[in-house]
Amino acid sequence: MIILVFTLTEQGEELIRSIKGEFAVISVAGMYRTGKSYLLNQMLLNRSKGFSVGPTVNPCTKGLWMWSKPIMGLDSQVSSKVPILLIDTEGFGAFDEDQNHDIK
């Protein structure tokens, strides 16, 4: 059995508690250095100060990172706006981590 333990920062908890009603979550997972952070930055309308993206083979993201405020999306089933939380994830297979790290 694998038990995952995550620590939610105070700011993250405040953000989640500030959302009234339902919300959606978009998170991207995959191998390291394959564009996960870049894709989320495109969803943020190509902001220059979005999730960290680097020019080297070194991984940029460690753990899980949530954008500081929801973006608004459209719930097509009920034609209303819904807040969406964006979460960036650490990539799998980074050279500076072992297989046990990825499993955890």
PDB file of N, CA and C in Angstrom:
ATOM      1  N   MET A   1       0.838  -1.161   0.000  1.00  0.00           N
ATOM      2  CA  MET A   1       0.000   0.000   0.000  1.00  0.00           C
ATOM      3  C   MET A   1       0.894   1.238   0.000  1.00  0.00           C
ATOM      4  N   ILE A   2       0.544   2.217  -0.820  1.00  0.00           N
ATOM      5  CA  ILE A   2       1.262   3.494  -0.871  1.00  0.00           C
ATOM      6  C   ILE A   2       0.372   4.557  -0.244  1.00  0.00           C
ATOM      7  N   ILE A   3       0.920   5.275   0.704  1.00  0.00           N
ATOM      8  CA  ILE A   3       0.194   6.369   1.339  1.00  0.00           C
ATOM      9  C   ILE A   3       0.840   7.676   0.911  1.00  0.00           C
ATOM     10  N   LEU A   4       0.069   8.528   0.309  1.00  0.00           N
ATOM     11  CA  LEU A   4       0.577   9.820  -0.134  1.00  0.00           C
ATOM     12  C   LEU A   4       0.210  10.889   0.887  1.00  0.00           C
ATOM     13  N   VAL A   5       1.176  11.722   1.196  1.00  0.00           N
ATOM     14  CA  VAL A   5       0.938  12.816   2.132  1.00  0.00           C
ATOM     15  C   VAL A   5       1.332  14.108   1.430  1.00  0.00           C
ATOM     16  N   PHE A   6       0.388  15.027   1.340  1.00  0.00           N
ATOM     17  CA  PHE A   6       0.648  16.323   0.739  1.00  0.00           C
ATOM     18  C   PHE A   6       0.444  17.398   1.794  1.00  0.00           C
ATOM     19  N   THR A   7       1.214  18.437   1.698  1.00  0.00           N
ATOM     20  CA  THR A   7       1.055  19.566   2.599  1.00  0.00           C
ATOM     21  C   THR A   7       0.460  20.718   1.803  1.00  0.00           C
ATOM     22  N   LEU A   8      -0.657  21.215   2.260  1.00  0.00           N
ATOM     23  CA  LEU A   8      -1.305  22.352   1.624  1.00  0.00           C
ATOM     24  C   LEU A   8      -0.876  23.603   2.378  1.00  0.00           C
ATOM     25  N   THR A   9      -0.336  24.567   1.655  1.00  0.00           N
ATOM     26  CA  THR A   9       0.080  25.801   2.315  1.00  0.00           C
ATOM     27  C   THR A   9      -1.140  26.572   2.794  1.00  0.00           C
ATOM     28  N   GLU A  10      -0.901  27.494   3.683  1.00  0.00           N
ATOM     29  CA  GLU A  10      -1.986  28.333   4.197  1.00  0.00           C
ATOM     30  C   GLU A  10      -2.642  29.120   3.058  1.00  0.00           C
ATOM     31  N   GLN A  11      -1.812  29.627   2.137  1.00  0.00           N
ATOM     32  CA  GLN A  11      -2.345  30.389   1.004  1.00  0.00           C
ATOM     33  C   GLN A  11      -3.206  29.497   0.107  1.00  0.00           C
ATOM     34  N   GLY A  12      -2.776  28.252  -0.102  1.00  0.00           N
ATOM     35  CA  GLY A  12      -3.558  27.330  -0.918  1.00  0.00           C
ATOM     36  C   GLY A  12      -4.893  27.006  -0.281  1.00  0.00           C
ATOM     37  N   GLU A  13      -4.863  26.787   1.030  1.00  0.00           N
ATOM     38  CA  GLU A  13      -6.107  26.509   1.746  1.00  0.00           C
ATOM     39  C   GLU A  13      -7.056  27.698   1.673  1.00  0.00           C
ATOM     40  N   GLU A  14      -6.522  28.910   1.846  1.00  0.00           N
ATOM     41  CA  GLU A  14      -7.361  30.110   1.767  1.00  0.00           C
ATOM     42  C   GLU A  14      -7.997  30.242   0.384  1.00  0.00           C
ATOM     43  N   LEU A  15      -7.210  29.956  -0.650  1.00  0.00           N
ATOM     44  CA  LEU A  15      -7.733  30.052  -2.014  1.00  0.00           C
ATOM     45  C   LEU A  15      -8.889  29.079  -2.219  1.00  0.00           C
ATOM     46  N   ILE A  16      -8.698  27.838  -1.817  1.00  0.00           N
ATOM     47  CA  ILE A  16      -9.747  26.836  -2.004  1.00  0.00           C
ATOM     48  C   ILE A  16     -10.989  27.193  -1.196  1.00  0.00           C
ATOM     49  N   ARG A  17     -10.804  27.638   0.026  1.00  0.00           N
ATOM     50  CA  ARG A  17     -11.956  27.999   0.870  1.00  0.00           C
ATOM     51  C   ARG A  17     -12.688  29.243   0.345  1.00  0.00           C
ATOM     52  N   SER A  18     -11.982  30.081  -0.420  1.00  0.00           N
ATOM     53  CA  SER A  18     -12.618  31.305  -0.929  1.00  0.00           C
ATOM     54  C   SER A  18     -13.564  31.044  -2.094  1.00  0.00           C
ATOM     55  N   ILE A  19     -13.472  29.883  -2.689  1.00  0.00           N
ATOM     56  CA  ILE A  19     -14.325  29.549  -3.830  1.00  0.00           C
ATOM     57  C   ILE A  19     -15.684  29.102  -3.317  1.00  0.00           C
ATOM     58  N   LYS A  20     -16.696  29.795  -3.738  1.00  0.00           N
ATOM     59  CA  LYS A  20     -18.068  29.459  -3.349  1.00  0.00           C
ATOM     60  C   LYS A  20     -18.669  28.520  -4.391  1.00  0.00           C
ATOM     61  N   GLY A  21     -19.169  27.397  -3.960  1.00  0.00           N
ATOM     62  CA  GLY A  21     -19.789  26.457  -4.880  1.00  0.00           C
ATOM     63  C   GLY A  21     -18.781  25.529  -5.529  1.00  0.00           C
ATOM     64  N   GLU A  22     -19.190  24.960  -6.643  1.00  0.00           N
ATOM     65  CA  GLU A  22     -18.368  23.982  -7.343  1.00  0.00           C
ATOM     66  C   GLU A  22     -17.223  24.651  -8.086  1.00  0.00           C
ATOM     67  N   PHE A  23     -16.152  23.880  -8.272  1.00  0.00           N
ATOM     68  CA  PHE A  23     -15.024  24.333  -9.081  1.00  0.00           C
ATOM     69  C   PHE A  23     -14.418  23.132  -9.775  1.00  0.00           C
ATOM     70  N   ALA A  24     -13.611  23.387 -10.776  1.00  0.00           N
ATOM     71  CA  ALA A  24     -12.940  22.328 -11.528  1.00  0.00           C
ATOM     72  C   ALA A  24     -11.440  22.413 -11.273  1.00  0.00           C
ATOM     73  N   VAL A  25     -10.744  21.319 -11.559  1.00  0.00           N
ATOM     74  CA  VAL A  25      -9.292  21.270 -11.419  1.00  0.00           C
ATOM     75  C   VAL A  25      -8.714  20.742 -12.717  1.00  0.00           C
ATOM     76  N   ILE A  26      -7.707  21.442 -13.229  1.00  0.00           N
ATOM     77  CA  ILE A  26      -6.938  20.948 -14.372  1.00  0.00           C
ATOM     78  C   ILE A  26      -5.511  20.772 -13.887  1.00  0.00           C
ATOM     79  N   SER A  27      -5.012  19.557 -14.025  1.00  0.00           N
ATOM     80  CA  SER A  27      -3.647  19.248 -13.631  1.00  0.00           C
ATOM     81  C   SER A  27      -3.009  18.452 -14.758  1.00  0.00           C
ATOM     82  N   VAL A  28      -1.725  18.693 -14.992  1.00  0.00           N
ATOM     83  CA  VAL A  28      -1.024  18.003 -16.064  1.00  0.00           C
ATOM     84  C   VAL A  28       0.085  17.159 -15.447  1.00  0.00           C
ATOM     85  N   ALA A  29       0.141  15.879 -15.819  1.00  0.00           N
ATOM     86  CA  ALA A  29       1.167  14.968 -15.318  1.00  0.00           C
ATOM     87  C   ALA A  29       1.863  14.303 -16.496  1.00  0.00           C
ATOM     88  N   GLY A  30       3.117  13.920 -16.309  1.00  0.00           N
ATOM     89  CA  GLY A  30       3.851  13.232 -17.366  1.00  0.00           C
ATOM     90  C   GLY A  30       5.334  13.247 -17.086  1.00  0.00           C
ATOM     91  N   MET A  31       6.105  12.821 -18.064  1.00  0.00           N
ATOM     92  CA  MET A  31       7.560  12.765 -17.927  1.00  0.00           C
ATOM     93  C   MET A  31       8.128  14.180 -17.753  1.00  0.00           C
ATOM     94  N   TYR A  32       9.279  14.252 -17.090  1.00  0.00           N
ATOM     95  CA  TYR A  32       9.896  15.559 -16.871  1.00  0.00           C
ATOM     96  C   TYR A  32      10.353  16.155 -18.194  1.00  0.00           C
ATOM     97  N   ARG A  33      10.345  17.480 -18.262  1.00  0.00           N
ATOM     98  CA  ARG A  33      10.796  18.266 -19.424  1.00  0.00           C
ATOM     99  C   ARG A  33       9.994  17.971 -20.694  1.00  0.00           C
ATOM    100  N   THR A  34       8.668  17.769 -20.552  1.00  0.00           N
ATOM    101  CA  THR A  34       7.844  17.499 -21.730  1.00  0.00           C
ATOM    102  C   THR A  34       6.786  18.566 -21.973  1.00  0.00           C
ATOM    103  N   GLY A  35       6.847  19.700 -21.266  1.00  0.00           N
ATOM    104  CA  GLY A  35       5.965  20.815 -21.572  1.00  0.00           C
ATOM    105  C   GLY A  35       4.743  20.963 -20.692  1.00  0.00           C
ATOM    106  N   LYS A  36       4.710  20.319 -19.549  1.00  0.00           N
ATOM    107  CA  LYS A  36       3.541  20.434 -18.660  1.00  0.00           C
ATOM    108  C   LYS A  36       3.346  21.872 -18.194  1.00  0.00           C
ATOM    109  N   SER A  37       4.401  22.485 -17.696  1.00  0.00           N
ATOM    110  CA  SER A  37       4.314  23.872 -17.212  1.00  0.00           C
ATOM    111  C   SER A  37       4.008  24.818 -18.364  1.00  0.00           C
ATOM    112  N   TYR A  38       4.627  24.593 -19.509  1.00  0.00           N
ATOM    113  CA  TYR A  38       4.390  25.427 -20.690  1.00  0.00           C
ATOM    114  C   TYR A  38       2.919  25.380 -21.092  1.00  0.00           C
ATOM    115  N   LEU A  39       2.343  24.182 -21.109  1.00  0.00           N
ATOM    116  CA  LEU A  39       0.928  24.036 -21.471  1.00  0.00           C
ATOM    117  C   LEU A  39       0.030  24.813 -20.517  1.00  0.00           C
ATOM    118  N   LEU A  40       0.285  24.699 -19.217  1.00  0.00           N
ATOM    119  CA  LEU A  40      -0.519  25.446 -18.247  1.00  0.00           C
ATOM    120  C   LEU A  40      -0.336  26.948 -18.421  1.00  0.00           C
ATOM    121  N   ASN A  41       0.877  27.397 -18.752  1.00  0.00           N
ATOM    122  CA  ASN A  41       1.101  28.823 -19.006  1.00  0.00           C
ATOM    123  C   ASN A  41       0.291  29.298 -20.214  1.00  0.00           C
ATOM    124  N   GLN A  42       0.126  28.455 -21.207  1.00  0.00           N
ATOM    125  CA  GLN A  42      -0.706  28.819 -22.361  1.00  0.00           C
ATOM    126  C   GLN A  42      -2.159  28.986 -21.929  1.00  0.00           C
ATOM    127  N   MET A  43      -2.596  28.171 -20.983  1.00  0.00           N
ATOM    128  CA  MET A  43      -3.962  28.299 -20.465  1.00  0.00           C
ATOM    129  C   MET A  43      -4.121  29.591 -19.671  1.00  0.00           C
ATOM    130  N   LEU A  44      -3.013  30.106 -19.157  1.00  0.00           N
ATOM    131  CA  LEU A  44      -3.023  31.378 -18.433  1.00  0.00           C
ATOM    132  C   LEU A  44      -2.833  32.552 -19.389  1.00  0.00           C
ATOM    133  N   LEU A  45      -3.121  32.331 -20.660  1.00  0.00           N
ATOM    134  CA  LEU A  45      -2.996  33.356 -21.712  1.00  0.00           C
ATOM    135  C   LEU A  45      -1.554  33.796 -21.881  1.00  0.00           C
ATOM    136  N   ASN A  46      -0.642  32.818 -21.843  1.00  0.00           N
ATOM    137  CA  ASN A  46       0.775  33.025 -22.145  1.00  0.00           C
ATOM    138  C   ASN A  46       1.419  34.074 -21.242  1.00  0.00           C
ATOM    139  N   ARG A  47       1.094  34.047 -19.976  1.00  0.00           N
ATOM    140  CA  ARG A  47       1.687  34.992 -19.036  1.00  0.00           C
ATOM    141  C   ARG A  47       3.177  34.733 -18.899  1.00  0.00           C
ATOM    142  N   SER A  48       3.965  35.791 -18.871  1.00  0.00           N
ATOM    143  CA  SER A  48       5.413  35.644 -18.777  1.00  0.00           C
ATOM    144  C   SER A  48       5.851  35.206 -17.393  1.00  0.00           C
ATOM    145  N   LYS A  49       5.008  35.417 -16.394  1.00  0.00           N
ATOM    146  CA  LYS A  49       5.363  35.027 -15.035  1.00  0.00           C
ATOM    147  C   LYS A  49       4.399  33.956 -14.531  1.00  0.00           C
ATOM    148  N   GLY A  50       4.245  32.900 -15.289  1.00  0.00           N
ATOM    149  CA  GLY A  50       3.372  31.792 -14.896  1.00  0.00           C
ATOM    150  C   GLY A  50       4.176  30.736 -14.158  1.00  0.00           C
ATOM    151  N   PHE A  51       3.891  29.481 -14.459  1.00  0.00           N
ATOM    152  CA  PHE A  51       4.637  28.387 -13.868  1.00  0.00           C
ATOM    153  C   PHE A  51       6.061  28.393 -14.420  1.00  0.00           C
ATOM    154  N   SER A  52       7.013  28.008 -13.593  1.00  0.00           N
ATOM    155  CA  SER A  52       8.426  28.065 -13.956  1.00  0.00           C
ATOM    156  C   SER A  52       8.745  27.135 -15.125  1.00  0.00           C
ATOM    157  N   VAL A  53       9.434  27.689 -16.130  1.00  0.00           N
ATOM    158  CA  VAL A  53       9.888  26.934 -17.295  1.00  0.00           C
ATOM    159  C   VAL A  53      11.351  27.294 -17.495  1.00  0.00           C
ATOM    160  N   GLY A  54      12.206  26.290 -17.657  1.00  0.00           N
ATOM    161  CA  GLY A  54      13.633  26.563 -17.789  1.00  0.00           C
ATOM    162  C   GLY A  54      14.200  26.096 -19.114  1.00  0.00           C
ATOM    163  N   PRO A  55      15.379  26.635 -19.495  1.00  0.00           N
ATOM    164  CA  PRO A  55      15.993  26.314 -20.782  1.00  0.00           C
ATOM    165  C   PRO A  55      16.924  25.105 -20.749  1.00  0.00           C
ATOM    166  N   THR A  56      17.055  24.430 -19.596  1.00  0.00           N
ATOM    167  CA  THR A  56      17.998  23.323 -19.483  1.00  0.00           C
ATOM    168  C   THR A  56      17.256  22.004 -19.350  1.00  0.00           C
ATOM    169  N   VAL A  57      18.025  20.913 -19.219  1.00  0.00           N
ATOM    170  CA  VAL A  57      17.416  19.600 -19.019  1.00  0.00           C
ATOM    171  C   VAL A  57      17.054  19.375 -17.557  1.00  0.00           C
ATOM    172  N   ASN A  58      17.388  20.311 -16.687  1.00  0.00           N
ATOM    173  CA  ASN A  58      17.079  20.170 -15.271  1.00  0.00           C
ATOM    174  C   ASN A  58      15.590  20.399 -15.024  1.00  0.00           C
ATOM    175  N   PRO A  59      14.969  19.540 -14.196  1.00  0.00           N
ATOM    176  CA  PRO A  59      13.558  19.737 -13.872  1.00  0.00           C
ATOM    177  C   PRO A  59      13.344  21.055 -13.125  1.00  0.00           C
ATOM    178  N   CYS A  60      12.235  21.735 -13.408  1.00  0.00           N
ATOM    179  CA  CYS A  60      11.923  23.011 -12.753  1.00  0.00           C
ATOM    180  C   CYS A  60      10.920  22.853 -11.618  1.00  0.00           C
ATOM    181  N   THR A  61       9.981  21.935 -11.771  1.00  0.00           N
ATOM    182  CA  THR A  61       8.879  21.802 -10.812  1.00  0.00           C
ATOM    183  C   THR A  61       9.161  20.667  -9.841  1.00  0.00           C
ATOM    184  N   LYS A  62       9.042  20.951  -8.570  1.00  0.00           N
ATOM    185  CA  LYS A  62       9.155  19.930  -7.529  1.00  0.00           C
ATOM    186  C   LYS A  62       7.845  19.910  -6.763  1.00  0.00           C
ATOM    187  N   GLY A  63       7.238  18.755  -6.612  1.00  0.00           N
ATOM    188  CA  GLY A  63       5.969  18.657  -5.908  1.00  0.00           C
ATOM    189  C   GLY A  63       4.813  19.109  -6.790  1.00  0.00           C
ATOM    190  N   LEU A  64       3.799  19.683  -6.155  1.00  0.00           N
ATOM    191  CA  LEU A  64       2.619  20.194  -6.854  1.00  0.00           C
ATOM    192  C   LEU A  64       2.515  21.688  -6.601  1.00  0.00           C
ATOM    193  N   TRP A  65       2.196  22.446  -7.638  1.00  0.00           N
ATOM    194  CA  TRP A  65       2.060  23.902  -7.522  1.00  0.00           C
ATOM    195  C   TRP A  65       0.718  24.323  -8.083  1.00  0.00           C
ATOM    196  N   MET A  66      -0.012  25.101  -7.299  1.00  0.00           N
ATOM    197  CA  MET A  66      -1.323  25.579  -7.721  1.00  0.00           C
ATOM    198  C   MET A  66      -1.223  27.066  -8.075  1.00  0.00           C
ATOM    199  N   TRP A  67      -1.856  27.450  -9.189  1.00  0.00           N
ATOM    200  CA  TRP A  67      -1.869  28.861  -9.586  1.00  0.00           C
ATOM    201  C   TRP A  67      -2.612  29.654  -8.523  1.00  0.00           C
ATOM    202  N   SER A  68      -2.191  30.903  -8.315  1.00  0.00           N
ATOM    203  CA  SER A  68      -2.648  31.702  -7.178  1.00  0.00           C
ATOM    204  C   SER A  68      -4.101  32.168  -7.230  1.00  0.00           C
ATOM    205  N   LYS A  69      -4.764  32.023  -8.358  1.00  0.00           N
ATOM    206  CA  LYS A  69      -6.192  32.325  -8.408  1.00  0.00           C
ATOM    207  C   LYS A  69      -6.819  31.524  -9.541  1.00  0.00           C
ATOM    208  N   PRO A  70      -8.095  31.168  -9.390  1.00  0.00           N
ATOM    209  CA  PRO A  70      -8.749  30.375 -10.430  1.00  0.00           C
ATOM    210  C   PRO A  70      -8.895  31.175 -11.721  1.00  0.00           C
ATOM    211  N   ILE A  71      -8.894  30.450 -12.830  1.00  0.00           N
ATOM    212  CA  ILE A  71      -9.288  31.055 -14.100  1.00  0.00           C
ATOM    213  C   ILE A  71     -10.752  30.676 -14.299  1.00  0.00           C
ATOM    214  N   MET A  72     -11.454  31.408 -15.107  1.00  0.00           N
ATOM    215  CA  MET A  72     -12.870  31.107 -15.322  1.00  0.00           C
ATOM    216  C   MET A  72     -13.028  30.309 -16.610  1.00  0.00           C
ATOM    217  N   GLY A  73     -13.805  29.247 -16.519  1.00  0.00           N
ATOM    218  CA  GLY A  73     -14.117  28.414 -17.669  1.00  0.00           C
ATOM    219  C   GLY A  73     -15.616  28.319 -17.827  1.00  0.00           C
ATOM    220  N   LEU A  74     -16.047  27.620 -18.849  1.00  0.00           N
ATOM    221  CA  LEU A  74     -17.470  27.479 -19.120  1.00  0.00           C
ATOM    222  C   LEU A  74     -17.883  26.038 -18.917  1.00  0.00           C
ATOM    223  N   ASP A  75     -18.861  25.823 -18.072  1.00  0.00           N
ATOM    224  CA  ASP A  75     -19.462  24.508 -17.883  1.00  0.00           C
ATOM    225  C   ASP A  75     -20.502  24.353 -18.978  1.00  0.00           C
ATOM    226  N   SER A  76     -20.182  23.584 -19.993  1.00  0.00           N
ATOM    227  CA  SER A  76     -21.057  23.477 -21.159  1.00  0.00           C
ATOM    228  C   SER A  76     -22.372  22.766 -20.849  1.00  0.00           C
ATOM    229  N   GLN A  77     -22.412  21.972 -19.778  1.00  0.00           N
ATOM    230  CA  GLN A  77     -23.643  21.257 -19.445  1.00  0.00           C
ATOM    231  C   GLN A  77     -24.727  22.204 -18.929  1.00  0.00           C
ATOM    232  N   VAL A  78     -24.306  23.248 -18.222  1.00  0.00           N
ATOM    233  CA  VAL A  78     -25.295  24.185 -17.667  1.00  0.00           C
ATOM    234  C   VAL A  78     -25.094  25.613 -18.167  1.00  0.00           C
ATOM    235  N   SER A  79     -24.189  25.795 -19.116  1.00  0.00           N
ATOM    236  CA  SER A  79     -23.910  27.104 -19.721  1.00  0.00           C
ATOM    237  C   SER A  79     -23.652  28.193 -18.682  1.00  0.00           C
ATOM    238  N   SER A  80     -22.815  27.892 -17.716  1.00  0.00           N
ATOM    239  CA  SER A  80     -22.446  28.903 -16.733  1.00  0.00           C
ATOM    240  C   SER A  80     -20.939  28.850 -16.506  1.00  0.00           C
ATOM    241  N   LYS A  81     -20.407  29.922 -15.957  1.00  0.00           N
ATOM    242  CA  LYS A  81     -18.976  29.993 -15.689  1.00  0.00           C
ATOM    243  C   LYS A  81     -18.644  29.218 -14.423  1.00  0.00           C
ATOM    244  N   VAL A  82     -17.473  28.605 -14.431  1.00  0.00           N
ATOM    245  CA  VAL A  82     -17.012  27.836 -13.288  1.00  0.00           C
ATOM    246  C   VAL A  82     -15.535  28.169 -13.036  1.00  0.00           C
ATOM    247  N   PRO A  83     -15.139  28.358 -11.769  1.00  0.00           N
ATOM    248  CA  PRO A  83     -13.726  28.592 -11.477  1.00  0.00           C
ATOM    249  C   PRO A  83     -12.919  27.311 -11.692  1.00  0.00           C
ATOM    250  N   ILE A  84     -11.736  27.468 -12.264  1.00  0.00           N
ATOM    251  CA  ILE A  84     -10.859  26.324 -12.529  1.00  0.00           C
ATOM    252  C   ILE A  84      -9.522  26.565 -11.840  1.00  0.00           C
ATOM    253  N   LEU A  85      -9.099  25.608 -11.026  1.00  0.00           N
ATOM    254  CA  LEU A  85      -7.779  25.657 -10.395  1.00  0.00           C
ATOM    255  C   LEU A  85      -6.793  24.936 -11.298  1.00  0.00           C
ATOM    256  N   LEU A  86      -5.645  25.561 -11.553  1.00  0.00           N
ATOM    257  CA  LEU A  86      -4.592  24.940 -12.354  1.00  0.00           C
ATOM    258  C   LEU A  86      -3.504  24.424 -11.420  1.00  0.00           C
ATOM    259  N   ILE A  87      -3.130  23.156 -11.595  1.00  0.00           N
ATOM    260  CA  ILE A  87      -2.097  22.552 -10.758  1.00  0.00           C
ATOM    261  C   ILE A  87      -1.011  21.965 -11.645  1.00  0.00           C
ATOM    262  N   ASP A  88       0.211  22.410 -11.426  1.00  0.00           N
ATOM    263  CA  ASP A  88       1.385  21.908 -12.135  1.00  0.00           C
ATOM    264  C   ASP A  88       2.003  20.800 -11.288  1.00  0.00           C
ATOM    265  N   THR A  89       2.513  19.773 -11.933  1.00  0.00           N
ATOM    266  CA  THR A  89       3.073  18.637 -11.208  1.00  0.00           C
ATOM    267  C   THR A  89       4.532  18.405 -11.573  1.00  0.00           C
ATOM    268  N   GLU A  90       5.223  17.804 -10.644  1.00  0.00           N
ATOM    269  CA  GLU A  90       6.600  17.379 -10.884  1.00  0.00           C
ATOM    270  C   GLU A  90       6.584  16.252 -11.918  1.00  0.00           C
ATOM    271  N   GLY A  91       7.536  16.285 -12.832  1.00  0.00           N
ATOM    272  CA  GLY A  91       7.591  15.259 -13.875  1.00  0.00           C
ATOM    273  C   GLY A  91       8.160  13.940 -13.393  1.00  0.00           C
ATOM    274  N   PHE A  92       7.793  12.880 -14.081  1.00  0.00           N
ATOM    275  CA  PHE A  92       8.325  11.552 -13.796  1.00  0.00           C
ATOM    276  C   PHE A  92       9.646  11.355 -14.527  1.00  0.00           C
ATOM    277  N   GLY A  93      10.516  10.498 -13.990  1.00  0.00           N
ATOM    278  CA  GLY A  93      11.719  10.084 -14.701  1.00  0.00           C
ATOM    279  C   GLY A  93      12.858  11.080 -14.689  1.00  0.00           C
ATOM    280  N   ALA A  94      12.844  12.035 -13.780  1.00  0.00           N
ATOM    281  CA  ALA A  94      13.937  13.009 -13.716  1.00  0.00           C
ATOM    282  C   ALA A  94      15.243  12.312 -13.345  1.00  0.00           C
ATOM    283  N   PHE A  95      16.331  12.733 -13.962  1.00  0.00           N
ATOM    284  CA  PHE A  95      17.622  12.099 -13.716  1.00  0.00           C
ATOM    285  C   PHE A  95      18.123  12.289 -12.290  1.00  0.00           C
ATOM    286  N   ASP A  96      17.613  13.307 -11.590  1.00  0.00           N
ATOM    287  CA  ASP A  96      18.089  13.570 -10.226  1.00  0.00           C
ATOM    288  C   ASP A  96      17.242  12.868  -9.158  1.00  0.00           C
ATOM    289  N   GLU A  97      16.319  12.009  -9.586  1.00  0.00           N
ATOM    290  CA  GLU A  97      15.481  11.243  -8.660  1.00  0.00           C
ATOM    291  C   GLU A  97      15.502   9.779  -9.057  1.00  0.00           C
ATOM    292  N   ASP A  98      15.186   8.895  -8.095  1.00  0.00           N
ATOM    293  CA  ASP A  98      15.127   7.470  -8.424  1.00  0.00           C
ATOM    294  C   ASP A  98      13.685   7.032  -8.648  1.00  0.00           C
ATOM    295  N   GLN A  99      13.532   5.759  -9.027  1.00  0.00           N
ATOM    296  CA  GLN A  99      12.207   5.244  -9.351  1.00  0.00           C
ATOM    297  C   GLN A  99      11.262   5.275  -8.154  1.00  0.00           C
ATOM    298  N   ASN A 100      11.804   5.102  -6.954  1.00  0.00           N
ATOM    299  CA  ASN A 100      10.969   5.156  -5.751  1.00  0.00           C
ATOM    300  C   ASN A 100      10.326   6.527  -5.581  1.00  0.00           C
ATOM    301  N   HIS A 101      11.058   7.580  -5.967  1.00  0.00           N
ATOM    302  CA  HIS A 101      10.514   8.941  -5.869  1.00  0.00           C
ATOM    303  C   HIS A 101       9.289   9.075  -6.773  1.00  0.00           C
ATOM    304  N   ASP A 102       9.380   8.560  -7.991  1.00  0.00           N
ATOM    305  CA  ASP A 102       8.252   8.639  -8.924  1.00  0.00           C
ATOM    306  C   ASP A 102       7.048   7.859  -8.411  1.00  0.00           C
ATOM    307  N   ILE A 103       7.269   6.721  -7.811  1.00  0.00           N
ATOM    308  CA  ILE A 103       6.173   5.901  -7.290  1.00  0.00           C
ATOM    309  C   ILE A 103       5.450   6.648  -6.176  1.00  0.00           C
ATOM    310  N   LYS A 104       6.218   7.303  -5.305  1.00  0.00           N
ATOM    311  CA  LYS A 104       5.616   8.072  -4.213  1.00  0.00           C
ATOM    312  C   LYS A 104       4.831   9.232  -4.755  1.00  0.00           C
TER     313      LYS A 104
END
